[in-house]
Amino acid sequence: MFSMEAFSWYYVVAALVLIYNCSCNVRYYVRFIGAHIAVLVVSALVMPLLLFRPKNVYNAILATIPLRLLNPLLRLNWDVQGVEHITPDRAAIVVCNHQSSIDFLGMVYMWPLFQKISAIAKMEILYAAPFGPTAWLCGTRFIDRSNPQKAKQSMNDAMEFVKEHKVKLWIFPEGTRNSEDEFLPFKKGAFYLALQGQIPILPLVCSSYRGFISHKAGVFNPGNIIVTCLPPIPTVGLTIEDMPSLMAETREKMMAVFKETSAKVQQPYPLEVAPRTTSKES
């Protein structure tokens, strides 16, 4: 027989499950907060294992193994296309559109495909323990954007590292999160590095999250994302004067794929979920 205490807990759990299933806003916060807590916990647990080879890009493979479980738990399906452009052992600058913190779960899913890959991150993240120090141990390159001279030197160091070890460097060229139907203007950093090192640009496009995530409406449902890796864009023989045309070409190709793949996965929110009220919600 249940004790009165156990009986009470049963009703508490049942009530929580009912609220979770009936409220899209509750699901939104549980999923987002739960995912972020999981990332912090895993970061703390794997950190001691990474100390034996600090700043080694292969550490990221080890760190992403437990984090990849978040995708099936959240019922996020990443359909990666163009894998043949990812796998060659060569240095490249990976440029990807940036929609949400959920992008990190896509990176976690794809990291083993790249094998040797690093990322550019702002210096503030380094001090966000335990995630920041763990990212540093995994070879993430941190840039102090408040100091242009140091930022430039850090970028140059990153380029030397990428070329020497044939590592791919992941950069969000928009510079900040953007969930609109059009990409923000691309910043020059990624393209400067590619031209300086004479290594290819590798465009990566994630389809829109709008069909299942809306921060304004408080929605975070299961969803499908098509990730398309486009053929590399060579930079050999190009100079800084070619940067505007290189940026325009890359953005145009990525926008075309973004619109095409987003149309394939776009779906209205279920009836029990608050619908979008404007086309500008993210």
C-alpha atoms as a PDB file:
ATOM      1  CA  MET A   1       0.000   0.000   0.000  1.00  0.00           C
ATOM      2  CA  PHE A   2       1.083   3.575  -0.715  1.00  0.00           C
ATOM      3  CA  SER A   3       1.868   5.724   2.280  1.00  0.00           C
ATOM      4  CA  MET A   4       0.187   9.107   2.390  1.00  0.00           C
ATOM      5  CA  GLU A   5       3.531  10.755   1.559  1.00  0.00           C
ATOM      6  CA  ALA A   6       4.081   8.552  -1.511  1.00  0.00           C
ATOM      7  CA  PHE A   7       0.452   9.095  -2.503  1.00  0.00           C
ATOM      8  CA  SER A   8       0.965  12.862  -2.352  1.00  0.00           C
ATOM      9  CA  TRP A   9       4.136  12.704  -4.441  1.00  0.00           C
ATOM     10  CA  TYR A  10       2.288  10.619  -7.021  1.00  0.00           C
ATOM     11  CA  TYR A  11      -0.244  13.397  -7.497  1.00  0.00           C
ATOM     12  CA  VAL A  12       2.478  16.050  -7.633  1.00  0.00           C
ATOM     13  CA  VAL A  13       4.305  14.170 -10.392  1.00  0.00           C
ATOM     14  CA  ALA A  14       1.061  13.489 -12.245  1.00  0.00           C
ATOM     15  CA  ALA A  15       0.151  17.176 -12.054  1.00  0.00           C
ATOM     16  CA  LEU A  16       3.573  18.222 -13.370  1.00  0.00           C
ATOM     17  CA  VAL A  17       3.307  15.783 -16.279  1.00  0.00           C
ATOM     18  CA  LEU A  18      -0.178  17.060 -17.073  1.00  0.00           C
ATOM     19  CA  ILE A  19       0.983  20.692 -17.012  1.00  0.00           C
ATOM     20  CA  TYR A  20       3.964  19.860 -19.215  1.00  0.00           C
ATOM     21  CA  ASN A  21       1.771  18.099 -21.779  1.00  0.00           C
ATOM     22  CA  CYS A  22      -0.914  20.777 -21.813  1.00  0.00           C
ATOM     23  CA  SER A  23       1.150  23.971 -21.761  1.00  0.00           C
ATOM     24  CA  CYS A  24       3.390  24.858 -24.679  1.00  0.00           C
ATOM     25  CA  ASN A  25       5.023  27.608 -22.584  1.00  0.00           C
ATOM     26  CA  VAL A  26       5.956  25.155 -19.835  1.00  0.00           C
ATOM     27  CA  ARG A  27       7.414  22.790 -22.439  1.00  0.00           C
ATOM     28  CA  TYR A  28       9.374  25.693 -23.910  1.00  0.00           C
ATOM     29  CA  TYR A  29      11.074  26.570 -20.625  1.00  0.00           C
ATOM     30  CA  VAL A  30      11.615  22.962 -19.540  1.00  0.00           C
ATOM     31  CA  ARG A  31      13.245  22.074 -22.855  1.00  0.00           C
ATOM     32  CA  PHE A  32      15.449  25.168 -23.138  1.00  0.00           C
ATOM     33  CA  ILE A  33      16.501  25.277 -19.487  1.00  0.00           C
ATOM     34  CA  GLY A  34      16.946  21.500 -19.378  1.00  0.00           C
ATOM     35  CA  ALA A  35      19.180  21.540 -22.457  1.00  0.00           C
ATOM     36  CA  HIS A  36      21.357  24.317 -21.060  1.00  0.00           C
ATOM     37  CA  ILE A  37      21.691  22.613 -17.672  1.00  0.00           C
ATOM     38  CA  ALA A  38      22.661  19.363 -19.412  1.00  0.00           C
ATOM     39  CA  VAL A  39      25.393  21.166 -21.357  1.00  0.00           C
ATOM     40  CA  LEU A  40      26.792  22.653 -18.133  1.00  0.00           C
ATOM     41  CA  VAL A  41      26.702  19.311 -16.295  1.00  0.00           C
ATOM     42  CA  VAL A  42      28.393  17.416 -19.131  1.00  0.00           C
ATOM     43  CA  SER A  43      31.011  20.175 -19.443  1.00  0.00           C
ATOM     44  CA  ALA A  44      31.887  19.794 -15.759  1.00  0.00           C
ATOM     45  CA  LEU A  45      32.019  15.993 -15.941  1.00  0.00           C
ATOM     46  CA  VAL A  46      34.221  15.713 -19.036  1.00  0.00           C
ATOM     47  CA  MET A  47      36.603  18.543 -18.109  1.00  0.00           C
ATOM     48  CA  PRO A  48      38.986  16.317 -16.054  1.00  0.00           C
ATOM     49  CA  LEU A  49      39.300  13.911 -19.002  1.00  0.00           C
ATOM     50  CA  LEU A  50      40.357  16.720 -21.336  1.00  0.00           C
ATOM     51  CA  LEU A  51      43.155  18.046 -19.127  1.00  0.00           C
ATOM     52  CA  PHE A  52      45.585  15.429 -20.437  1.00  0.00           C
ATOM     53  CA  ARG A  53      45.694  17.066 -23.897  1.00  0.00           C
ATOM     54  CA  PRO A  54      44.553  20.699 -23.534  1.00  0.00           C
ATOM     55  CA  LYS A  55      43.466  22.679 -26.616  1.00  0.00           C
ATOM     56  CA  ASN A  56      43.407  19.508 -28.702  1.00  0.00           C
ATOM     57  CA  VAL A  57      40.573  19.584 -31.274  1.00  0.00           C
ATOM     58  CA  TYR A  58      40.020  15.839 -30.835  1.00  0.00           C
ATOM     59  CA  ASN A  59      38.829  16.572 -27.294  1.00  0.00           C
ATOM     60  CA  ALA A  60      35.632  17.924 -28.832  1.00  0.00           C
ATOM     61  CA  ILE A  61      34.753  14.475 -30.169  1.00  0.00           C
ATOM     62  CA  LEU A  62      34.883  13.060 -26.642  1.00  0.00           C
ATOM     63  CA  ALA A  63      32.899  15.956 -25.189  1.00  0.00           C
ATOM     64  CA  THR A  64      30.127  15.689 -27.776  1.00  0.00           C
ATOM     65  CA  ILE A  65      29.410  11.977 -27.231  1.00  0.00           C
ATOM     66  CA  PRO A  66      27.091  12.481 -24.198  1.00  0.00           C
ATOM     67  CA  LEU A  67      25.757  15.799 -25.543  1.00  0.00           C
ATOM     68  CA  ARG A  68      24.520  14.119 -28.721  1.00  0.00           C
ATOM     69  CA  LEU A  69      21.917  12.326 -26.587  1.00  0.00           C
ATOM     70  CA  LEU A  70      20.114  15.654 -26.171  1.00  0.00           C
ATOM     71  CA  ASN A  71      18.927  15.564 -29.772  1.00  0.00           C
ATOM     72  CA  PRO A  72      16.844  12.370 -29.505  1.00  0.00           C
ATOM     73  CA  LEU A  73      15.631  13.429 -26.052  1.00  0.00           C
ATOM     74  CA  LEU A  74      14.361  16.710 -27.503  1.00  0.00           C
ATOM     75  CA  ARG A  75      13.285  14.915 -30.682  1.00  0.00           C
ATOM     76  CA  LEU A  76      15.412  17.106 -32.912  1.00  0.00           C
ATOM     77  CA  ASN A  77      16.404  15.434 -36.162  1.00  0.00           C
ATOM     78  CA  TRP A  78      19.398  16.840 -38.064  1.00  0.00           C
ATOM     79  CA  ASP A  79      19.412  15.658 -41.673  1.00  0.00           C
ATOM     80  CA  VAL A  80      22.929  16.411 -42.950  1.00  0.00           C
ATOM     81  CA  GLN A  81      23.326  16.614 -46.709  1.00  0.00           C
ATOM     82  CA  GLY A  82      26.527  17.102 -48.677  1.00  0.00           C
ATOM     83  CA  VAL A  83      28.648  15.096 -46.224  1.00  0.00           C
ATOM     84  CA  GLU A  84      31.162  14.466 -49.006  1.00  0.00           C
ATOM     85  CA  HIS A  85      32.163  18.129 -48.766  1.00  0.00           C
ATOM     86  CA  ILE A  86      32.779  17.849 -45.008  1.00  0.00           C
ATOM     87  CA  THR A  87      35.014  14.809 -44.766  1.00  0.00           C
ATOM     88  CA  PRO A  88      38.167  15.647 -46.814  1.00  0.00           C
ATOM     89  CA  ASP A  89      41.251  16.197 -44.661  1.00  0.00           C
ATOM     90  CA  ARG A  90      41.852  19.840 -45.512  1.00  0.00           C
ATOM     91  CA  ALA A  91      41.820  23.230 -43.862  1.00  0.00           C
ATOM     92  CA  ALA A  92      38.701  25.326 -44.476  1.00  0.00           C
ATOM     93  CA  ILE A  93      36.649  28.157 -43.032  1.00  0.00           C
ATOM     94  CA  VAL A  94      33.146  26.881 -42.265  1.00  0.00           C
ATOM     95  CA  VAL A  95      30.512  29.629 -42.409  1.00  0.00           C
ATOM     96  CA  CYS A  96      27.040  28.839 -41.050  1.00  0.00           C
ATOM     97  CA  ASN A  97      23.859  30.827 -40.412  1.00  0.00           C
ATOM     98  CA  HIS A  98      23.142  31.525 -36.736  1.00  0.00           C
ATOM     99  CA  GLN A  99      19.533  31.243 -35.500  1.00  0.00           C
ATOM    100  CA  SER A 100      19.478  30.251 -31.852  1.00  0.00           C
ATOM    101  CA  SER A 101      21.437  28.723 -28.990  1.00  0.00           C
ATOM    102  CA  ILE A 102      19.984  25.462 -30.326  1.00  0.00           C
ATOM    103  CA  ASP A 103      22.590  25.768 -33.110  1.00  0.00           C
ATOM    104  CA  PHE A 104      24.962  24.253 -30.564  1.00  0.00           C
ATOM    105  CA  LEU A 105      23.037  20.973 -30.671  1.00  0.00           C
ATOM    106  CA  GLY A 106      23.531  20.892 -34.425  1.00  0.00           C
ATOM    107  CA  MET A 107      27.242  21.494 -33.961  1.00  0.00           C
ATOM    108  CA  VAL A 108      27.330  18.684 -31.405  1.00  0.00           C
ATOM    109  CA  TYR A 109      25.644  16.369 -33.899  1.00  0.00           C
ATOM    110  CA  MET A 110      28.024  17.279 -36.754  1.00  0.00           C
ATOM    111  CA  TRP A 111      31.324  17.536 -34.865  1.00  0.00           C
ATOM    112  CA  PRO A 112      32.261  13.845 -35.409  1.00  0.00           C
ATOM    113  CA  LEU A 113      31.701  14.286 -39.152  1.00  0.00           C
ATOM    114  CA  PHE A 114      34.349  17.017 -39.277  1.00  0.00           C
ATOM    115  CA  GLN A 115      36.799  15.185 -36.987  1.00  0.00           C
ATOM    116  CA  LYS A 116      39.280  18.087 -36.835  1.00  0.00           C
ATOM    117  CA  ILE A 117      37.331  21.285 -36.284  1.00  0.00           C
ATOM    118  CA  SER A 118      37.496  24.301 -34.029  1.00  0.00           C
ATOM    119  CA  ALA A 119      35.274  27.329 -33.592  1.00  0.00           C
ATOM    120  CA  ILE A 120      35.586  31.059 -33.048  1.00  0.00           C
ATOM    121  CA  ALA A 121      33.870  32.388 -29.922  1.00  0.00           C
ATOM    122  CA  LYS A 122      33.769  35.689 -28.075  1.00  0.00           C
ATOM    123  CA  MET A 123      36.036  36.004 -25.044  1.00  0.00           C
ATOM    124  CA  GLU A 124      33.111  36.383 -22.613  1.00  0.00           C
ATOM    125  CA  ILE A 125      32.191  32.719 -23.119  1.00  0.00           C
ATOM    126  CA  LEU A 126      35.590  31.609 -21.821  1.00  0.00           C
ATOM    127  CA  TYR A 127      34.652  32.893 -18.353  1.00  0.00           C
ATOM    128  CA  ALA A 128      31.270  31.142 -18.326  1.00  0.00           C
ATOM    129  CA  ALA A 129      32.338  28.102 -16.322  1.00  0.00           C
ATOM    130  CA  PRO A 130      32.243  25.205 -16.708  1.00  0.00           C
ATOM    131  CA  PHE A 131      31.311  25.462 -20.401  1.00  0.00           C
ATOM    132  CA  GLY A 132      33.912  28.079 -21.339  1.00  0.00           C
ATOM    133  CA  PRO A 133      36.986  26.289 -19.921  1.00  0.00           C
ATOM    134  CA  THR A 134      35.786  23.009 -21.447  1.00  0.00           C
ATOM    135  CA  ALA A 135      35.429  24.704 -24.840  1.00  0.00           C
ATOM    136  CA  TRP A 136      38.978  26.052 -24.436  1.00  0.00           C
ATOM    137  CA  LEU A 137      40.250  22.545 -23.713  1.00  0.00           C
ATOM    138  CA  CYS A 138      38.502  21.419 -26.924  1.00  0.00           C
ATOM    139  CA  GLY A 139      40.475  23.926 -28.988  1.00  0.00           C
ATOM    140  CA  THR A 140      37.921  26.735 -29.317  1.00  0.00           C
ATOM    141  CA  ARG A 141      39.587  29.992 -30.352  1.00  0.00           C
ATOM    142  CA  PHE A 142      38.447  32.943 -28.224  1.00  0.00           C
ATOM    143  CA  ILE A 143      38.503  36.482 -29.613  1.00  0.00           C
ATOM    144  CA  ASP A 144      38.572  39.630 -27.483  1.00  0.00           C
ATOM    145  CA  ARG A 145      36.455  41.916 -29.639  1.00  0.00           C
ATOM    146  CA  SER A 146      36.929  44.835 -27.232  1.00  0.00           C
ATOM    147  CA  ASN A 147      40.605  45.005 -28.200  1.00  0.00           C
ATOM    148  CA  PRO A 148      41.033  45.194 -32.003  1.00  0.00           C
ATOM    149  CA  GLN A 149      44.783  44.592 -31.862  1.00  0.00           C
ATOM    150  CA  LYS A 150      44.462  41.477 -29.715  1.00  0.00           C
ATOM    151  CA  ALA A 151      41.507  40.295 -31.803  1.00  0.00           C
ATOM    152  CA  LYS A 152      43.532  40.568 -35.001  1.00  0.00           C
ATOM    153  CA  GLN A 153      46.450  38.694 -33.467  1.00  0.00           C
ATOM    154  CA  SER A 154      44.111  35.951 -32.202  1.00  0.00           C
ATOM    155  CA  MET A 155      42.610  35.589 -35.670  1.00  0.00           C
ATOM    156  CA  ASN A 156      46.081  35.354 -37.229  1.00  0.00           C
ATOM    157  CA  ASP A 157      47.086  32.711 -34.674  1.00  0.00           C
ATOM    158  CA  ALA A 158      43.915  30.783 -35.452  1.00  0.00           C
ATOM    159  CA  MET A 159      44.731  30.868 -39.161  1.00  0.00           C
ATOM    160  CA  GLU A 160      48.248  29.532 -38.607  1.00  0.00           C
ATOM    161  CA  PHE A 161      46.840  26.728 -36.463  1.00  0.00           C
ATOM    162  CA  VAL A 162      44.177  25.861 -39.058  1.00  0.00           C
ATOM    163  CA  LYS A 163      46.663  25.704 -41.924  1.00  0.00           C
ATOM    164  CA  GLU A 164      49.319  23.781 -40.022  1.00  0.00           C
ATOM    165  CA  HIS A 165      46.980  21.079 -38.698  1.00  0.00           C
ATOM    166  CA  LYS A 166      44.433  21.026 -41.569  1.00  0.00           C
ATOM    167  CA  VAL A 167      41.655  21.995 -39.195  1.00  0.00           C
ATOM    168  CA  LYS A 168      38.283  23.424 -40.190  1.00  0.00           C
ATOM    169  CA  LEU A 169      37.305  26.617 -38.385  1.00  0.00           C
ATOM    170  CA  TRP A 170      33.579  27.225 -37.718  1.00  0.00           C
ATOM    171  CA  ILE A 171      32.435  30.867 -37.836  1.00  0.00           C
ATOM    172  CA  PHE A 172      28.984  32.468 -37.779  1.00  0.00           C
ATOM    173  CA  PRO A 173      29.436  35.257 -40.364  1.00  0.00           C
ATOM    174  CA  GLU A 174      26.279  37.093 -39.258  1.00  0.00           C
ATOM    175  CA  GLY A 175      27.976  37.755 -35.934  1.00  0.00           C
ATOM    176  CA  THR A 176      24.810  37.371 -33.866  1.00  0.00           C
ATOM    177  CA  ARG A 177      21.648  35.282 -33.721  1.00  0.00           C
ATOM    178  CA  ASN A 178      19.068  35.924 -36.384  1.00  0.00           C
ATOM    179  CA  SER A 179      15.814  34.021 -36.921  1.00  0.00           C
ATOM    180  CA  GLU A 180      14.374  36.151 -39.714  1.00  0.00           C
ATOM    181  CA  ASP A 181      13.774  35.043 -43.307  1.00  0.00           C
ATOM    182  CA  GLU A 182      16.851  36.927 -44.532  1.00  0.00           C
ATOM    183  CA  PHE A 183      20.420  36.578 -43.283  1.00  0.00           C
ATOM    184  CA  LEU A 184      22.018  39.577 -41.652  1.00  0.00           C
ATOM    185  CA  PRO A 185      24.865  41.206 -43.597  1.00  0.00           C
ATOM    186  CA  PHE A 186      27.949  39.020 -43.328  1.00  0.00           C
ATOM    187  CA  LYS A 187      30.951  40.319 -41.395  1.00  0.00           C
ATOM    188  CA  LYS A 188      34.395  40.250 -42.975  1.00  0.00           C
ATOM    189  CA  GLY A 189      36.317  38.154 -40.430  1.00  0.00           C
ATOM    190  CA  ALA A 190      35.743  34.699 -41.904  1.00  0.00           C
ATOM    191  CA  PHE A 191      36.451  35.863 -45.431  1.00  0.00           C
ATOM    192  CA  TYR A 192      39.567  37.767 -44.399  1.00  0.00           C
ATOM    193  CA  LEU A 193      40.960  34.581 -42.863  1.00  0.00           C
ATOM    194  CA  ALA A 194      40.117  32.499 -45.934  1.00  0.00           C
ATOM    195  CA  LEU A 195      41.789  34.992 -48.243  1.00  0.00           C
ATOM    196  CA  GLN A 196      44.776  35.449 -45.978  1.00  0.00           C
ATOM    197  CA  GLY A 197      45.335  31.701 -45.742  1.00  0.00           C
ATOM    198  CA  GLN A 198      44.234  30.962 -49.316  1.00  0.00           C
ATOM    199  CA  ILE A 199      41.965  28.212 -48.009  1.00  0.00           C
ATOM    200  CA  PRO A 200      38.391  27.499 -49.154  1.00  0.00           C
ATOM    201  CA  ILE A 201      35.147  28.766 -47.710  1.00  0.00           C
ATOM    202  CA  LEU A 202      32.851  25.866 -46.759  1.00  0.00           C
ATOM    203  CA  PRO A 203      29.230  27.132 -46.578  1.00  0.00           C
ATOM    204  CA  LEU A 204      26.907  25.297 -44.188  1.00  0.00           C
ATOM    205  CA  VAL A 205      23.178  26.081 -44.121  1.00  0.00           C
ATOM    206  CA  CYS A 206      20.664  25.046 -41.433  1.00  0.00           C
ATOM    207  CA  SER A 207      17.023  25.288 -42.472  1.00  0.00           C
ATOM    208  CA  SER A 208      14.725  27.564 -40.487  1.00  0.00           C
ATOM    209  CA  TYR A 209      13.622  26.591 -36.974  1.00  0.00           C
ATOM    210  CA  ARG A 210      10.423  28.604 -37.336  1.00  0.00           C
ATOM    211  CA  GLY A 211       8.202  25.555 -37.759  1.00  0.00           C
ATOM    212  CA  PHE A 212       8.909  24.347 -34.226  1.00  0.00           C
ATOM    213  CA  ILE A 213      10.689  27.080 -32.234  1.00  0.00           C
ATOM    214  CA  SER A 214       9.388  30.540 -31.389  1.00  0.00           C
ATOM    215  CA  HIS A 215      10.899  32.555 -28.544  1.00  0.00           C
ATOM    216  CA  LYS A 216       8.126  35.148 -28.730  1.00  0.00           C
ATOM    217  CA  ALA A 217       5.320  32.594 -28.643  1.00  0.00           C
ATOM    218  CA  GLY A 218       7.131  30.423 -26.086  1.00  0.00           C
ATOM    219  CA  VAL A 219       7.233  27.334 -28.319  1.00  0.00           C
ATOM    220  CA  PHE A 220       9.866  24.603 -28.488  1.00  0.00           C
ATOM    221  CA  ASN A 221       8.482  21.508 -30.201  1.00  0.00           C
ATOM    222  CA  PRO A 222      10.193  18.506 -31.792  1.00  0.00           C
ATOM    223  CA  GLY A 223      11.433  19.350 -35.263  1.00  0.00           C
ATOM    224  CA  ASN A 224      13.413  18.425 -38.346  1.00  0.00           C
ATOM    225  CA  ILE A 225      16.364  20.467 -39.582  1.00  0.00           C
ATOM    226  CA  ILE A 226      18.023  20.041 -42.953  1.00  0.00           C
ATOM    227  CA  VAL A 227      21.719  20.872 -42.814  1.00  0.00           C
ATOM    228  CA  THR A 228      23.302  21.373 -46.229  1.00  0.00           C
ATOM    229  CA  CYS A 229      27.026  21.527 -46.754  1.00  0.00           C
ATOM    230  CA  LEU A 230      27.673  23.246 -50.076  1.00  0.00           C
ATOM    231  CA  PRO A 231      30.712  22.634 -52.280  1.00  0.00           C
ATOM    232  CA  PRO A 232      33.757  24.582 -51.071  1.00  0.00           C
ATOM    233  CA  ILE A 233      34.368  27.991 -52.608  1.00  0.00           C
ATOM    234  CA  PRO A 234      38.079  28.264 -53.512  1.00  0.00           C
ATOM    235  CA  THR A 235      40.077  31.373 -52.638  1.00  0.00           C
ATOM    236  CA  VAL A 236      43.436  30.510 -54.229  1.00  0.00           C
ATOM    237  CA  GLY A 237      44.606  33.476 -56.266  1.00  0.00           C
ATOM    238  CA  LEU A 238      42.069  35.855 -54.741  1.00  0.00           C
ATOM    239  CA  THR A 239      43.105  38.977 -52.844  1.00  0.00           C
ATOM    240  CA  ILE A 240      41.526  41.309 -50.306  1.00  0.00           C
ATOM    241  CA  GLU A 241      40.110  43.305 -53.223  1.00  0.00           C
ATOM    242  CA  ASP A 242      38.002  40.244 -54.082  1.00  0.00           C
ATOM    243  CA  MET A 243      36.420  40.108 -50.615  1.00  0.00           C
ATOM    244  CA  PRO A 244      33.145  41.926 -51.471  1.00  0.00           C
ATOM    245  CA  SER A 245      32.397  39.604 -54.382  1.00  0.00           C
ATOM    246  CA  LEU A 246      33.397  36.529 -52.336  1.00  0.00           C
ATOM    247  CA  MET A 247      31.077  37.562 -49.506  1.00  0.00           C
ATOM    248  CA  ALA A 248      28.224  38.295 -51.904  1.00  0.00           C
ATOM    249  CA  GLU A 249      28.663  34.969 -53.723  1.00  0.00           C
ATOM    250  CA  THR A 250      28.731  32.996 -50.471  1.00  0.00           C
ATOM    251  CA  ARG A 251      25.699  34.751 -49.006  1.00  0.00           C
ATOM    252  CA  GLU A 252      23.698  34.379 -52.222  1.00  0.00           C
ATOM    253  CA  LYS A 253      24.360  30.647 -52.437  1.00  0.00           C
ATOM    254  CA  MET A 254      23.518  30.127 -48.770  1.00  0.00           C
ATOM    255  CA  MET A 255      20.297  32.170 -48.956  1.00  0.00           C
ATOM    256  CA  ALA A 256      19.066  30.138 -51.939  1.00  0.00           C
ATOM    257  CA  VAL A 257      19.595  26.868 -50.048  1.00  0.00           C
ATOM    258  CA  PHE A 258      18.101  28.303 -46.847  1.00  0.00           C
ATOM    259  CA  LYS A 259      14.858  29.229 -48.598  1.00  0.00           C
ATOM    260  CA  GLU A 260      14.654  25.892 -50.425  1.00  0.00           C
ATOM    261  CA  THR A 261      15.306  23.664 -47.399  1.00  0.00           C
ATOM    262  CA  SER A 262      13.190  25.776 -45.035  1.00  0.00           C
ATOM    263  CA  ALA A 263      10.191  25.341 -47.340  1.00  0.00           C
ATOM    264  CA  LYS A 264      10.596  21.558 -47.058  1.00  0.00           C
ATOM    265  CA  VAL A 265      10.549  21.405 -43.262  1.00  0.00           C
ATOM    266  CA  GLN A 266       8.271  24.336 -42.511  1.00  0.00           C
ATOM    267  CA  GLN A 267       5.100  23.294 -40.703  1.00  0.00           C
ATOM    268  CA  PRO A 268       2.463  25.128 -38.664  1.00  0.00           C
ATOM    269  CA  TYR A 269       2.415  24.704 -34.919  1.00  0.00           C
ATOM    270  CA  PRO A 270       0.023  21.983 -33.663  1.00  0.00           C
ATOM    271  CA  LEU A 271      -3.458  23.147 -32.751  1.00  0.00           C
ATOM    272  CA  GLU A 272      -2.789  22.926 -29.043  1.00  0.00           C
ATOM    273  CA  VAL A 273       0.119  25.342 -29.386  1.00  0.00           C
ATOM    274  CA  ALA A 274      -0.295  29.102 -29.572  1.00  0.00           C
ATOM    275  CA  PRO A 275       0.014  29.977 -33.277  1.00  0.00           C
ATOM    276  CA  ARG A 276       2.352  32.623 -34.629  1.00  0.00           C
ATOM    277  CA  THR A 277       0.642  35.956 -34.849  1.00  0.00           C
ATOM    278  CA  THR A 278       3.053  37.704 -37.196  1.00  0.00           C
ATOM    279  CA  SER A 279       5.613  36.706 -39.776  1.00  0.00           C
ATOM    280  CA  LYS A 280       8.316  38.373 -37.715  1.00  0.00           C
ATOM    281  CA  GLU A 281       8.233  36.020 -34.740  1.00  0.00           C
ATOM    282  CA  SER A 282      11.302  33.899 -34.154  1.00  0.00           C
END
